[in-house]
N, C-alpha and C. Protein backbone atom coordinates (compact mmCIF):
# COMPACT_ATOMS: atom_id res chain seq x y z
N MET A 1 0.86 -1.17 0.01
CA MET A 1 0.01 -0.04 0.02
C MET A 1 0.91 1.24 -0.02
N GLY A 2 0.75 2.03 -1.02
CA GLY A 2 1.58 3.21 -1.17
C GLY A 2 0.85 4.50 -0.71
N TYR A 3 1.63 5.49 -0.35
CA TYR A 3 1.12 6.78 0.00
C TYR A 3 1.24 7.69 -1.18
N ASP A 4 0.20 8.41 -1.53
CA ASP A 4 0.25 9.29 -2.59
C ASP A 4 -0.43 10.66 -2.17
N ASP A 5 -0.44 11.58 -3.08
CA ASP A 5 -1.06 12.90 -2.79
C ASP A 5 -2.54 12.78 -2.44
N ASN A 6 -3.29 11.86 -3.10
CA ASN A 6 -4.67 11.60 -2.78
C ASN A 6 -4.82 11.17 -1.39
N SER A 7 -4.00 10.31 -0.89
CA SER A 7 -4.04 9.80 0.49
C SER A 7 -3.89 10.98 1.52
N GLY A 8 -3.00 11.86 1.17
CA GLY A 8 -2.74 13.02 2.04
C GLY A 8 -4.00 13.91 2.06
N PHE A 9 -4.54 14.08 0.88
CA PHE A 9 -5.80 14.91 0.81
C PHE A 9 -6.97 14.34 1.69
N ILE A 10 -7.11 13.01 1.56
CA ILE A 10 -8.17 12.33 2.28
C ILE A 10 -7.89 12.44 3.78
N GLU A 11 -6.62 12.30 4.19
CA GLU A 11 -6.29 12.45 5.56
C GLU A 11 -6.59 13.88 6.11
N ARG A 12 -6.30 14.86 5.37
CA ARG A 12 -6.61 16.28 5.79
C ARG A 12 -8.12 16.49 5.87
N GLU A 13 -8.84 15.98 4.87
CA GLU A 13 -10.34 16.23 4.90
C GLU A 13 -10.98 15.44 6.08
N ILE A 14 -10.50 14.23 6.36
CA ILE A 14 -11.05 13.51 7.52
C ILE A 14 -10.65 14.25 8.76
N GLY A 15 -9.53 14.70 8.89
CA GLY A 15 -9.05 15.46 10.07
C GLY A 15 -9.92 16.63 10.34
N GLU A 16 -10.18 17.39 9.21
CA GLU A 16 -11.00 18.55 9.31
C GLU A 16 -12.38 18.26 9.77
N ALA A 17 -12.94 17.20 9.29
CA ALA A 17 -14.29 16.82 9.62
C ALA A 17 -14.35 16.36 11.10
N VAL A 18 -13.30 15.62 11.58
CA VAL A 18 -13.27 15.22 12.94
C VAL A 18 -13.20 16.38 13.88
N VAL A 19 -12.39 17.35 13.56
CA VAL A 19 -12.28 18.53 14.42
C VAL A 19 -13.59 19.25 14.45
N ALA A 20 -14.27 19.47 13.29
CA ALA A 20 -15.54 20.09 13.22
C ALA A 20 -16.57 19.37 14.15
N MET A 21 -16.57 17.99 14.07
CA MET A 21 -17.50 17.27 14.83
C MET A 21 -17.24 17.39 16.32
N ILE A 22 -15.93 17.39 16.73
CA ILE A 22 -15.65 17.59 18.08
C ILE A 22 -16.06 18.93 18.55
N ASP A 23 -15.84 19.95 17.77
CA ASP A 23 -16.28 21.30 18.16
C ASP A 23 -17.72 21.41 18.30
N ALA A 24 -18.51 20.59 17.52
CA ALA A 24 -19.96 20.63 17.51
C ALA A 24 -20.48 19.71 18.60
N GLY A 25 -19.62 18.95 19.28
CA GLY A 25 -20.02 17.99 20.31
C GLY A 25 -20.73 16.80 19.72
N GLU A 26 -20.50 16.44 18.46
CA GLU A 26 -21.08 15.28 17.84
C GLU A 26 -20.22 14.07 18.03
N ALA A 27 -20.84 12.88 17.89
CA ALA A 27 -20.08 11.65 17.93
C ALA A 27 -19.32 11.51 16.61
N ILE A 28 -18.17 10.94 16.69
CA ILE A 28 -17.33 10.80 15.44
C ILE A 28 -17.65 9.43 14.87
N THR A 29 -18.30 9.57 13.69
CA THR A 29 -18.76 8.33 13.00
C THR A 29 -18.39 8.44 11.55
N ARG A 30 -18.35 7.30 10.85
CA ARG A 30 -18.12 7.34 9.41
C ARG A 30 -19.19 8.13 8.71
N SER A 31 -20.48 7.91 9.12
CA SER A 31 -21.61 8.61 8.47
C SER A 31 -21.49 10.11 8.75
N GLY A 32 -21.00 10.50 9.92
CA GLY A 32 -20.85 11.91 10.22
C GLY A 32 -19.79 12.52 9.34
N ILE A 33 -18.72 11.81 9.17
CA ILE A 33 -17.62 12.35 8.28
C ILE A 33 -18.10 12.44 6.88
N LEU A 34 -18.83 11.47 6.36
CA LEU A 34 -19.40 11.62 5.04
C LEU A 34 -20.37 12.66 4.89
N ASN A 35 -21.24 12.95 5.89
CA ASN A 35 -22.19 14.09 5.85
C ASN A 35 -21.45 15.37 5.84
N TYR A 36 -20.36 15.47 6.53
CA TYR A 36 -19.58 16.68 6.57
C TYR A 36 -18.99 16.91 5.16
N LEU A 37 -18.42 15.91 4.63
CA LEU A 37 -17.79 16.00 3.30
C LEU A 37 -18.82 16.31 2.17
N THR A 38 -20.03 15.72 2.34
CA THR A 38 -21.09 16.04 1.42
C THR A 38 -21.54 17.42 1.41
N ARG A 39 -21.64 18.00 2.64
CA ARG A 39 -21.98 19.49 2.76
C ARG A 39 -20.86 20.27 2.11
N LYS A 40 -19.65 19.96 2.49
CA LYS A 40 -18.48 20.67 1.93
C LYS A 40 -18.46 20.65 0.37
N ARG A 41 -18.76 19.45 -0.17
CA ARG A 41 -18.77 19.32 -1.64
C ARG A 41 -19.91 20.18 -2.26
N GLN A 42 -21.07 20.24 -1.60
CA GLN A 42 -22.16 21.01 -2.13
C GLN A 42 -21.88 22.51 -2.09
N GLU A 43 -21.07 22.93 -1.10
CA GLU A 43 -20.81 24.37 -0.93
C GLU A 43 -19.67 24.92 -1.82
N THR A 44 -18.84 24.06 -2.35
CA THR A 44 -17.73 24.51 -3.12
C THR A 44 -18.12 24.74 -4.56
N GLY A 45 -17.51 25.69 -5.18
CA GLY A 45 -17.80 25.91 -6.61
C GLY A 45 -16.67 25.38 -7.56
N ASN A 46 -15.63 24.82 -6.97
CA ASN A 46 -14.51 24.35 -7.67
C ASN A 46 -14.77 22.84 -8.17
N ALA A 47 -14.84 22.65 -9.46
CA ALA A 47 -15.19 21.37 -9.98
C ALA A 47 -14.12 20.32 -9.65
N ALA A 48 -12.84 20.64 -9.73
CA ALA A 48 -11.79 19.68 -9.43
C ALA A 48 -11.82 19.31 -7.94
N TYR A 49 -12.13 20.23 -7.07
CA TYR A 49 -12.13 20.00 -5.63
C TYR A 49 -13.38 19.09 -5.38
N LYS A 50 -14.47 19.35 -6.04
CA LYS A 50 -15.64 18.53 -5.87
C LYS A 50 -15.37 17.07 -6.25
N GLU A 51 -14.65 16.89 -7.34
CA GLU A 51 -14.28 15.55 -7.79
C GLU A 51 -13.37 14.82 -6.76
N MET A 52 -12.46 15.61 -6.20
CA MET A 52 -11.53 15.00 -5.22
C MET A 52 -12.29 14.64 -3.94
N LEU A 53 -13.29 15.54 -3.52
CA LEU A 53 -14.08 15.13 -2.39
C LEU A 53 -14.92 13.90 -2.67
N HIS A 54 -15.50 13.84 -3.88
CA HIS A 54 -16.29 12.67 -4.23
C HIS A 54 -15.40 11.45 -4.20
N SER A 55 -14.15 11.45 -4.67
CA SER A 55 -13.28 10.30 -4.60
C SER A 55 -13.04 9.98 -3.17
N ALA A 56 -12.78 10.92 -2.33
CA ALA A 56 -12.50 10.68 -0.97
C ALA A 56 -13.68 10.03 -0.27
N MET A 57 -14.84 10.57 -0.54
CA MET A 57 -16.08 10.00 0.02
C MET A 57 -16.34 8.52 -0.37
N ASN A 58 -16.06 8.22 -1.58
CA ASN A 58 -16.18 6.82 -2.12
C ASN A 58 -15.25 5.89 -1.34
N LYS A 59 -14.00 6.38 -1.12
CA LYS A 59 -13.00 5.46 -0.41
C LYS A 59 -13.41 5.28 1.09
N ILE A 60 -13.90 6.46 1.65
CA ILE A 60 -14.30 6.28 3.05
C ILE A 60 -15.48 5.40 3.20
N SER A 61 -16.47 5.55 2.33
CA SER A 61 -17.72 4.75 2.46
C SER A 61 -17.37 3.25 2.21
N GLN A 62 -16.38 2.96 1.39
CA GLN A 62 -15.96 1.62 1.17
C GLN A 62 -15.05 1.06 2.22
N GLY A 63 -14.56 1.95 3.05
CA GLY A 63 -13.69 1.52 4.16
C GLY A 63 -12.29 1.24 3.67
N LYS A 64 -11.89 1.90 2.55
CA LYS A 64 -10.55 1.69 1.96
C LYS A 64 -9.67 2.88 2.23
């Protein structure tokens, strides 16, 4: 298993979601992280960033 730029992106996005959930007093769950990333994807206007978030969400939902 290799580490690439996409892995680093996913780590940063998960970390951001976890911190936001802690700040909000929410339980940290996979579905909570996916919900956070879904909202973030809907709010951005950057098509490339949306695609990267979509890819990250797919990997997270598959547990990979």
